[in-house]
Protein backbone atom coordinates (compact mmCIF):
# COMPACT_ATOMS: atom_id res chain seq x y z
CA MET A 1 166.24 29.81 120.48
CA THR A 2 169.68 31.31 120.06
CA LEU A 3 171.93 29.77 117.41
CA VAL A 4 175.61 29.73 118.36
CA PRO A 5 178.41 29.07 115.87
CA PRO A 6 178.85 25.29 115.59
CA GLU A 7 182.01 23.26 115.08
CA ARG A 8 182.72 21.83 111.67
CA ARG A 9 182.13 18.31 112.94
CA SER A 10 178.86 16.88 114.18
CA LEU A 11 178.20 16.80 117.91
CA TRP A 12 178.76 13.03 117.79
CA LEU A 13 182.16 13.27 116.14
CA GLU A 14 183.18 16.17 118.36
CA GLU A 15 182.53 13.96 121.39
CA ALA A 16 184.09 10.80 119.92
CA LEU A 17 187.28 12.41 118.58
CA ALA A 18 187.89 14.17 121.89
CA LEU A 19 188.54 10.89 123.65
CA PRO A 20 192.21 10.45 124.62
CA ASP A 21 192.86 7.30 122.56
CA GLU A 22 191.34 8.64 119.33
CA GLU A 23 194.42 9.39 117.24
CA SER A 24 194.08 9.27 113.47
CA ARG A 25 195.63 6.46 111.51
CA PRO A 26 198.33 7.65 109.09
CA PRO A 27 197.49 8.02 105.41
CA LEU A 28 198.51 5.36 102.91
CA GLN A 29 202.04 5.92 101.61
CA GLY A 30 203.34 3.96 98.68
CA GLU A 31 201.92 0.73 97.24
CA THR A 32 200.73 -2.25 99.25
CA ARG A 33 198.98 -5.58 98.75
CA ALA A 34 195.88 -7.08 100.37
CA ASP A 35 193.49 -9.94 99.94
CA ILE A 36 190.60 -7.49 100.23
CA CYS A 37 190.61 -3.70 100.06
CA ILE A 38 187.53 -1.91 101.39
CA VAL A 39 187.05 1.69 100.30
CA GLY A 40 185.14 3.52 103.03
CA GLY A 41 185.64 3.47 106.78
CA GLY A 42 182.04 3.87 107.90
CA TYR A 43 179.58 1.32 109.20
CA ALA A 44 179.25 -0.59 105.90
CA GLY A 45 183.03 -0.89 105.43
CA LEU A 46 183.95 -1.68 109.02
CA TRP A 47 181.17 -4.21 109.64
CA THR A 48 182.16 -5.94 106.40
CA ALA A 49 185.82 -6.04 107.40
CA LEU A 50 184.92 -7.55 110.78
CA ARG A 51 182.56 -10.12 109.21
CA LEU A 52 185.21 -11.18 106.69
CA LEU A 53 187.69 -11.83 109.44
CA GLU A 54 185.11 -13.62 111.53
CA LEU A 55 184.62 -16.05 108.64
CA GLU A 56 188.30 -16.29 107.57
CA PRO A 57 190.69 -14.89 110.22
CA ALA A 58 193.78 -15.28 108.02
CA LEU A 59 192.59 -12.75 105.44
CA GLU A 60 194.63 -9.59 104.88
CA VAL A 61 192.02 -6.81 104.92
CA THR A 62 192.83 -3.16 104.26
CA VAL A 63 190.46 -0.21 104.69
CA VAL A 64 191.13 3.17 103.05
CA GLU A 65 189.08 6.15 104.25
CA ALA A 66 189.04 9.66 102.82
CA ASP A 67 188.51 11.36 106.19
CA VAL A 68 188.54 9.61 109.56
CA CYS A 69 186.53 6.45 110.17
CA GLY A 70 183.00 7.58 110.85
CA GLY A 71 183.60 10.99 109.28
CA GLY A 72 180.81 10.51 106.72
CA ALA A 73 177.22 9.47 107.34
CA SER A 74 178.22 7.07 110.11
CA GLY A 75 179.28 9.92 112.35
CA ARG A 76 176.57 12.45 111.37
CA ASN A 77 173.29 10.54 111.44
CA GLY A 78 170.53 10.64 114.04
CA GLY A 79 171.64 7.42 115.72
CA PHE A 80 168.46 5.45 115.00
CA ALA A 81 169.07 1.72 114.63
CA LEU A 82 165.85 0.72 112.87
CA SER A 83 164.72 -2.54 111.32
CA TRP A 84 163.30 -2.94 107.81
CA TRP A 85 159.74 -3.53 109.05
CA ALA A 86 158.93 -0.01 107.92
CA LYS A 87 159.95 -1.11 104.40
CA VAL A 88 158.11 -4.41 104.43
CA ALA A 89 155.75 -3.51 101.56
CA THR A 90 158.72 -2.79 99.29
CA LEU A 91 160.49 -5.96 100.41
CA VAL A 92 157.40 -7.99 99.49
CA LYS A 93 157.30 -6.43 96.00
CA LEU A 94 160.97 -7.14 95.38
CA LEU A 95 161.50 -10.45 97.16
CA GLY A 96 158.09 -12.06 97.69
CA PRO A 97 156.33 -12.55 101.05
CA GLU A 98 158.42 -15.34 102.58
CA GLU A 99 161.75 -13.81 101.74
CA ALA A 100 160.52 -10.35 102.82
CA ARG A 101 159.60 -11.74 106.23
CA ARG A 102 163.01 -13.47 106.55
CA VAL A 103 164.95 -10.33 105.60
CA ALA A 104 162.91 -8.04 107.87
CA SER A 105 163.36 -10.48 110.77
CA ALA A 106 167.10 -10.60 110.07
CA SER A 107 167.21 -6.79 110.26
CA VAL A 108 165.74 -7.04 113.76
CA ASP A 109 168.42 -9.56 114.72
CA SER A 110 171.07 -7.12 113.53
CA ILE A 111 169.88 -4.45 115.97
CA ARG A 112 170.19 -6.87 118.85
CA ASP A 113 173.57 -8.08 117.61
CA ILE A 114 174.88 -4.51 117.58
CA GLY A 115 173.95 -4.20 121.25
CA ARG A 116 175.65 -7.49 122.06
CA PHE A 117 178.76 -6.47 120.07
CA CYS A 118 179.02 -3.21 122.00
CA GLU A 119 178.74 -5.06 125.30
CA GLU A 120 181.20 -7.77 124.35
CA HIS A 121 183.85 -5.24 123.19
CA ALA A 122 183.24 -2.53 125.81
CA ILE A 123 182.07 0.01 123.22
CA ASP A 124 180.21 2.71 125.10
CA ALA A 125 178.02 3.82 122.20
CA HIS A 126 175.10 4.73 124.49
CA TYR A 127 173.05 1.84 123.06
CA ARG A 128 169.43 1.90 124.26
CA ALA A 129 166.80 -0.48 122.91
CA ASP A 130 163.75 1.70 123.69
CA GLY A 131 162.00 1.44 120.32
CA TRP A 132 160.85 3.75 117.55
CA LEU A 133 157.71 5.87 117.28
CA TRP A 134 156.32 6.70 113.84
CA SER A 135 154.10 9.65 114.63
CA ALA A 136 151.75 12.22 113.09
CA THR A 137 152.04 15.91 113.93
CA SER A 138 149.35 17.07 111.54
CA ALA A 139 146.00 15.67 110.57
CA ALA A 140 147.29 14.91 107.04
CA GLN A 141 149.90 12.56 108.48
CA VAL A 142 147.53 10.45 110.58
CA GLY A 143 147.36 6.91 109.26
CA ALA A 144 150.33 7.24 106.89
CA TRP A 145 151.60 3.96 108.30
CA GLU A 146 148.50 1.88 107.63
CA ASP A 147 149.68 0.27 104.37
CA THR A 148 152.92 -0.75 106.10
CA VAL A 149 151.11 -2.16 109.15
CA SER A 150 148.75 -4.08 106.88
CA ALA A 151 151.62 -5.47 104.78
CA ALA A 152 153.31 -6.80 107.92
CA GLU A 153 150.08 -8.29 109.26
CA ALA A 154 149.54 -10.06 105.92
CA LEU A 155 152.77 -11.91 106.65
CA GLY A 156 151.41 -13.03 110.01
CA VAL A 157 153.45 -10.59 112.12
CA SER A 158 152.56 -7.50 114.13
CA PRO A 159 155.74 -5.45 114.73
CA PHE A 160 153.74 -2.22 115.14
CA ARG A 161 151.47 -1.20 117.98
CA ARG A 162 149.01 1.63 117.40
CA LEU A 163 149.05 4.46 119.96
CA GLU A 164 146.29 7.01 120.55
CA ARG A 165 146.86 10.70 121.03
CA ASP A 166 147.19 10.68 124.81
CA GLU A 167 149.76 7.93 124.80
CA VAL A 168 151.83 9.48 122.01
CA ALA A 169 151.82 12.81 123.85
CA ARG A 170 152.82 11.08 127.08
CA VAL A 171 155.84 9.17 125.69
CA THR A 172 157.15 12.15 123.70
CA GLY A 173 156.26 14.99 126.05
CA SER A 174 154.82 16.92 123.09
CA PRO A 175 151.29 18.34 122.97
CA VAL A 176 151.41 18.46 119.16
CA GLN A 177 151.56 14.72 118.58
CA LEU A 178 148.25 13.31 117.28
CA ALA A 179 148.76 9.55 116.76
CA GLY A 180 151.38 6.97 115.90
CA VAL A 181 152.60 3.42 115.81
CA PHE A 182 155.35 2.02 118.01
CA GLU A 183 157.97 -0.55 116.91
CA GLU A 184 159.73 -1.96 119.92
CA THR A 185 162.87 -3.50 118.38
CA ALA A 186 164.59 -0.21 117.46
CA ALA A 187 167.54 1.18 119.39
CA SER A 188 169.39 4.48 119.64
CA VAL A 189 173.16 4.93 119.67
CA GLN A 190 175.73 7.69 119.74
CA PRO A 191 176.66 7.00 116.12
CA ALA A 192 180.23 8.27 116.06
CA LEU A 193 181.14 6.34 119.21
CA LEU A 194 179.83 3.21 117.53
CA ALA A 195 181.86 3.89 114.35
CA ARG A 196 185.02 4.55 116.32
CA GLY A 197 184.40 1.48 118.43
CA LEU A 198 184.15 -0.63 115.28
CA ARG A 199 187.41 0.94 114.10
CA ARG A 200 189.14 -0.05 117.37
CA VAL A 201 187.98 -3.65 117.20
CA ALA A 202 188.94 -3.86 113.51
CA LEU A 203 192.47 -2.67 114.34
CA GLU A 204 192.70 -5.18 117.17
CA ARG A 205 191.77 -7.97 114.75
CA GLY A 206 194.49 -6.99 112.30
CA VAL A 207 192.68 -4.81 109.78
CA ARG A 208 195.01 -2.22 108.28
CA ILE A 209 193.24 1.12 108.28
CA PHE A 210 194.52 4.17 106.42
CA GLU A 211 192.66 7.38 107.18
CA HIS A 212 192.97 10.66 105.22
CA SER A 213 193.42 8.50 102.12
CA PRO A 214 190.72 9.36 99.54
CA MET A 215 190.40 7.06 96.54
CA THR A 216 191.50 9.04 93.47
CA ALA A 217 191.13 6.21 90.94
CA LEU A 218 189.88 2.63 90.69
CA GLU A 219 191.99 0.71 88.20
CA ARG A 220 189.92 -2.14 86.84
CA SER A 221 192.91 -4.29 86.10
CA ARG A 222 193.13 -7.91 87.20
CA PRO A 223 193.67 -7.80 90.10
CA PRO A 224 192.16 -4.35 90.63
CA LYS A 225 194.03 -1.45 92.23
CA VAL A 226 192.74 1.38 94.42
CA ARG A 227 194.79 4.57 94.05
CA THR A 228 194.82 7.23 96.78
CA THR A 229 196.51 10.62 96.91
CA ARG A 230 199.78 9.15 98.15
CA GLY A 231 199.64 5.44 97.50
CA ALA A 232 197.81 2.43 96.13
CA VAL A 233 196.40 -0.90 97.22
CA ARG A 234 196.35 -3.88 94.85
CA ALA A 235 193.88 -6.47 96.11
CA ASP A 236 192.27 -9.69 94.98
CA THR A 237 188.90 -8.09 95.72
CA VAL A 238 187.83 -4.45 96.12
CA ILE A 239 184.67 -3.60 98.03
CA LEU A 240 183.27 -0.10 97.55
CA ALA A 241 181.41 1.12 100.66
CA LEU A 242 181.36 4.78 99.79
CA ASN A 243 177.83 5.86 100.74
CA ALA A 244 176.84 8.98 98.75
CA TRP A 245 180.35 9.32 97.33
CA ILE A 246 179.78 6.23 95.15
CA ALA A 247 177.98 8.60 92.77
CA GLN A 248 181.42 9.41 91.38
CA LEU A 249 181.16 6.11 89.47
CA ARG A 250 179.48 6.87 86.19
CA GLU A 251 177.61 3.57 85.79
CA LEU A 252 176.02 3.94 89.25
CA ARG A 253 175.26 7.65 89.19
CA ARG A 254 171.66 7.47 88.02
CA SER A 255 170.81 4.74 90.53
CA LEU A 256 170.75 7.23 93.41
CA VAL A 257 170.26 10.86 94.29
CA VAL A 258 172.42 12.61 96.85
CA VAL A 259 170.39 14.73 99.22
CA ALA A 260 171.39 16.38 102.48
CA SER A 261 169.92 15.75 105.89
CA ASP A 262 170.47 18.44 108.51
CA MET A 263 170.67 18.23 112.31
CA VAL A 264 170.80 20.48 115.33
CA ALA A 265 171.38 19.69 119.01
CA THR A 266 170.32 21.65 122.05
CA GLU A 267 172.24 22.37 125.20
CA PRO A 268 171.83 19.67 127.86
CA ILE A 269 168.40 20.04 129.51
CA PRO A 270 167.86 16.74 131.35
CA GLU A 271 165.68 18.24 134.09
CA ARG A 272 163.33 19.90 131.61
CA LEU A 273 163.03 16.71 129.58
CA ALA A 274 162.24 14.80 132.75
CA GLU A 275 159.47 17.30 133.46
CA LEU A 276 158.07 16.53 130.02
CA GLY A 277 158.23 12.79 130.77
CA TRP A 278 160.83 12.24 128.03
CA THR A 279 163.32 10.05 129.84
CA SER A 280 163.88 7.10 127.47
CA GLY A 281 166.05 6.58 124.42
CA LEU A 282 162.93 6.48 122.20
CA CYS A 283 163.52 7.32 118.56
CA VAL A 284 160.80 9.53 117.05
CA SER A 285 160.08 10.50 113.47
CA ASP A 286 156.97 11.89 111.88
CA ALA A 287 155.10 10.86 108.74
CA ARG A 288 155.94 13.84 106.58
CA LEU A 289 157.94 13.44 103.38
CA LEU A 290 160.57 15.95 104.55
CA VAL A 291 160.82 13.95 107.72
CA ASP A 292 161.58 15.35 111.18
CA TYR A 293 163.46 12.81 113.32
CA TYR A 294 164.57 13.27 116.90
CA ARG A 295 165.71 11.69 120.13
CA ARG A 296 167.25 12.66 123.44
CA THR A 297 170.90 12.05 124.13
CA SER A 298 172.52 10.44 127.15
CA ASP A 299 173.38 13.86 128.60
CA GLY A 300 169.88 15.24 128.15
CA ARG A 301 170.09 17.12 124.85
CA ILE A 302 167.59 16.90 122.01
CA ALA A 303 169.18 15.86 118.73
CA TRP A 304 166.82 16.92 115.95
CA GLY A 305 167.14 16.17 112.23
CA LYS A 306 165.27 17.06 109.08
CA GLY A 307 165.54 15.44 105.67
CA GLY A 308 165.24 16.96 102.23
CA GLY A 309 168.11 19.46 102.22
CA ASN A 310 170.59 20.26 99.48
CA LEU A 311 170.55 18.18 96.30
CA ALA A 312 173.80 17.29 94.51
CA PHE A 313 173.99 17.94 90.78
CA SER A 314 175.08 14.76 88.97
CA GLY A 315 176.09 13.17 92.26
CA ARG A 316 178.78 15.71 93.02
CA VAL A 317 179.27 15.67 96.78
CA GLY A 318 181.10 18.92 97.50
CA THR A 319 181.75 21.08 100.51
CA ARG A 320 178.07 22.08 100.72
CA PHE A 321 177.51 18.74 102.38
CA ASP A 322 180.05 19.34 105.14
CA GLY A 323 180.16 21.61 108.17
CA SER A 324 177.33 23.45 109.82
CA SER A 325 173.78 23.17 108.54
CA PRO A 326 172.57 25.88 106.19
CA ARG A 327 169.05 25.08 107.43
CA ALA A 328 169.80 25.22 111.16
CA ALA A 329 167.21 27.96 111.80
CA ALA A 330 164.49 26.02 109.90
CA VAL A 331 165.33 22.76 111.69
CA ALA A 332 165.26 24.54 115.07
CA ALA A 333 161.90 26.08 114.11
CA ASP A 334 160.44 22.58 113.70
CA LEU A 335 161.75 21.67 117.14
CA ARG A 336 160.01 24.75 118.58
CA ARG A 337 156.79 23.89 116.85
CA ILE A 338 156.68 20.34 118.24
CA TYR A 339 157.98 21.41 121.66
CA PRO A 340 156.67 24.94 122.30
CA GLN A 341 157.62 24.48 125.98
CA LEU A 342 161.30 24.60 124.95
CA ARG A 343 161.29 27.80 122.92
CA ASP A 344 164.03 29.35 125.05
CA THR A 345 166.37 26.35 124.79
CA ARG A 346 169.71 27.13 123.24
CA ILE A 347 171.00 25.37 120.13
CA THR A 348 174.69 24.55 120.52
CA HIS A 349 175.47 22.44 117.43
CA SER A 350 174.35 22.03 113.85
CA TRP A 351 175.66 19.92 111.01
CA THR A 352 174.76 18.52 107.60
CA GLY A 353 175.67 15.49 105.54
CA PRO A 354 174.85 13.63 102.31
CA ILE A 355 172.55 10.64 102.01
CA ASP A 356 172.56 8.14 99.15
CA ARG A 357 168.90 7.63 98.23
CA THR A 358 167.69 4.92 95.90
CA THR A 359 164.33 4.60 94.20
CA THR A 360 163.26 1.86 96.67
CA ALA A 361 164.98 3.33 99.75
CA LEU A 362 166.77 -0.05 100.04
CA PRO A 363 170.48 -0.63 99.43
CA TYR A 364 172.06 -2.09 96.32
CA ILE A 365 174.57 -4.91 96.69
CA GLY A 366 176.30 -5.94 93.50
CA ARG A 367 179.32 -6.21 91.22
CA LEU A 368 180.83 -3.65 88.89
CA GLU A 369 180.89 -4.95 85.32
CA GLY A 370 179.64 -8.28 86.72
CA ARG A 371 183.06 -8.93 88.23
CA ASP A 372 183.38 -10.87 91.45
CA ASP A 373 186.53 -8.90 92.35
CA LEU A 374 184.74 -5.50 92.18
CA GLN A 375 181.92 -5.43 94.72
CA TYR A 376 179.79 -2.58 96.02
CA VAL A 377 177.19 -1.80 98.70
CA TYR A 378 175.41 1.56 98.95
CA GLY A 379 172.03 3.25 99.04
CA PHE A 380 171.02 2.96 102.69
CA SER A 381 168.75 5.95 102.13
CA GLY A 382 168.98 7.38 105.60
CA ASN A 383 168.55 4.07 107.42
CA GLY A 384 171.96 2.47 107.69
CA VAL A 385 172.82 2.17 111.38
CA GLY A 386 171.14 -1.24 111.68
CA PRO A 387 171.05 -2.51 108.06
CA THR A 388 174.78 -2.08 107.46
CA HIS A 389 175.32 -4.90 109.93
CA LEU A 390 173.03 -7.12 107.90
CA THR A 391 174.47 -6.16 104.50
CA ALA A 392 177.98 -6.85 105.83
CA ARG A 393 177.00 -10.47 106.27
CA ILE A 394 175.56 -10.61 102.75
CA VAL A 395 178.62 -8.99 101.17
CA ALA A 396 181.11 -11.10 103.09
CA SER A 397 179.36 -14.34 102.17
CA ARG A 398 179.27 -13.36 98.52
CA VAL A 399 182.92 -12.31 98.44
CA LEU A 400 184.02 -15.54 100.08
CA ARG A 401 181.65 -17.57 97.87
CA ARG A 402 179.84 -19.12 100.78
CA ASP A 403 176.62 -21.04 100.25
CA ASP A 404 174.79 -19.87 103.33
CA GLU A 405 171.67 -18.04 104.49
CA TRP A 406 173.29 -14.63 103.90
CA ALA A 407 174.53 -15.22 100.37
CA SER A 408 171.05 -16.31 99.42
CA ILE A 409 169.51 -12.91 100.28
CA ARG A 410 169.04 -11.23 96.93
CA LEU A 411 168.51 -7.54 97.44
CA PRO A 412 168.46 -5.68 94.11
CA GLU A 413 171.77 -4.92 92.44
CA ARG A 414 170.75 -1.89 90.35
CA PRO A 415 167.64 -0.25 88.91
CA SER A 416 166.01 -1.46 85.74
CA GLY A 417 167.91 0.94 83.52
CA PHE A 418 171.01 -1.07 84.29
CA PHE A 419 169.72 -4.46 85.42
CA PRO A 420 166.53 -5.41 83.59
CA ARG A 421 165.50 -8.23 85.92
CA ASN A 422 164.62 -5.78 88.68
CA ARG A 423 161.41 -3.84 88.33
CA MET A 424 162.79 -0.52 89.46
CA GLY A 425 163.44 2.70 87.67
CA ALA A 426 166.60 4.78 87.50
CA PHE A 427 166.46 8.47 88.29
CA PRO A 428 166.20 10.82 85.26
CA PRO A 429 169.41 12.10 83.64
CA GLU A 430 170.80 15.50 84.46
CA PRO A 431 169.81 18.28 84.43
CA PHE A 432 166.27 16.90 84.74
CA SER A 433 166.92 15.04 87.99
CA TYR A 434 168.40 18.05 89.75
CA VAL A 435 165.94 20.69 88.46
CA GLY A 436 162.95 18.40 88.90
CA GLY A 437 164.09 17.42 92.35
CA ARG A 438 164.30 21.04 93.46
CA VAL A 439 160.87 21.84 92.08
CA VAL A 440 159.25 18.80 93.69
CA ARG A 441 161.04 19.37 96.99
CA ALA A 442 159.82 22.97 97.14
CA ALA A 443 156.26 21.78 96.48
CA VAL A 444 156.51 19.19 99.23
CA ALA A 445 157.75 21.85 101.64
CA ARG A 446 154.84 24.18 100.76
CA LYS A 447 152.32 21.34 101.01
CA GLU A 448 153.52 20.26 104.45
CA ALA A 449 153.69 23.84 105.75
CA ALA A 450 150.05 24.27 104.78
CA GLU A 451 149.11 21.01 106.46
CA ASP A 452 150.94 22.02 109.63
CA ALA A 453 148.85 25.17 109.67
CA GLY A 454 145.63 23.21 109.12
CA ARG A 455 145.15 24.49 105.56
CA GLN A 456 144.45 22.56 102.39
CA PRO A 457 147.35 22.88 99.94
CA GLY A 458 146.57 24.18 96.46
CA ARG A 459 145.92 21.80 93.57
CA ILE A 460 149.17 22.59 91.73
CA VAL A 461 151.23 22.20 94.88
CA ARG A 462 149.57 18.90 95.65
CA GLY A 463 150.19 17.69 92.11
CA LEU A 464 153.87 18.59 92.12
CA ALA A 465 154.39 17.13 95.61
CA GLY A 466 152.80 13.90 94.42
CA LEU A 467 155.64 13.46 91.92
CA ALA A 468 158.16 12.87 94.72
CA PRO A 469 159.72 9.39 94.26
CA ALA A 470 160.58 7.22 97.22
CA GLY A 471 164.24 8.02 96.73
CA LEU A 472 163.72 11.73 97.19
CA THR A 473 161.64 11.42 100.34
CA PRO A 474 163.90 10.94 103.37
CA THR A 475 163.43 8.00 105.67
CA ARG A 476 163.87 8.52 109.32
CA GLY A 477 166.93 8.54 111.49
CA ARG A 478 170.03 8.82 109.39
């Protein structure tokens, strides 16, 4: 494969921002007032803005975004809209069996609602509800899903269907696939087109959006004020939907780690994919800790991602998390290994981006200092395309003090170091988190390389890799 110099933006954003009606909104100038100010113009922020206005159309809602709407994780992810059935065991531990089943089922409804929203508002986000395959590409990965499948079946549901080697190879077109489970409710989207579509609908409904307006300070006055480089918004309620950038808040910093996920995209090869039998919008990810996730695009490319990239020291999200991927060659090598038939296919794009990983790989929804006027949502851990729609309902109901089915969903607010009721741990302080994360990540990479080659990893490598917490091991798709 030949790597060609990529654009600074992801393939998705390059396509979306090239559309003729995609002009940036002007930055905030001067001071303004709002009922609700949302910081962050990605999925979490925009879905929340739309849900607030759905419940109370007279609200004055303002969104401030540091880049362009969708410029963060919402425009760089793999485009997998997945449910929380893959996290059902964790949901049961945190919420109990009945509530876990309700929340996982609601996450499925969100995927379908996204499709209906796109249809209703003529958002051509390339939505395809063709499911998700959780696969094994080495013998060590086979059966990695069994605990999850069993946890779901204990609740009386069977969202996963086991596939044997022949069927997995047939639906993916790869001779390397060994086994897997299929979850039919998942969908794929062109993520930046979805984000920009949400932006358009939000503007049509009266949301004031200021792009190129990074938050420089959060004044915790009453009412609070959000300061940007050129202006400020004073609002009755501030909602922080900052994704990985929320690590700039000191009291939340140890509740997440910021880790990069990297992607490449091939040139369009629809005829060759058809020859392989890969014609659907199926989302695929394997069972390794440094996950490979991939899907075909509407124009016949392969979009291929790999988790476990750069780690941020003390949550500092700098320029290393923007632009082309520093691991493009390694990510492309994984594509070649799984699809040896496509060794000569050209890579045309690569990009990277930060992910906000929590210890449970589930988001936190809560209040700064216990204040109702300072709300936050973050920690989607690489799986936010679908769940941001669900969390928007939860956040909106809490902000508006509604006594409904959404306000009653009690996802954890923060890890136990900050919020003792929840049985979760915070990440270690720096420099231990950063140094330890790098050591463990390197061990995981060596372990999985040995397993790919059919070798048994060494005892020390296995031991170090076993220290990887859930928050450091990427989930699939975003």
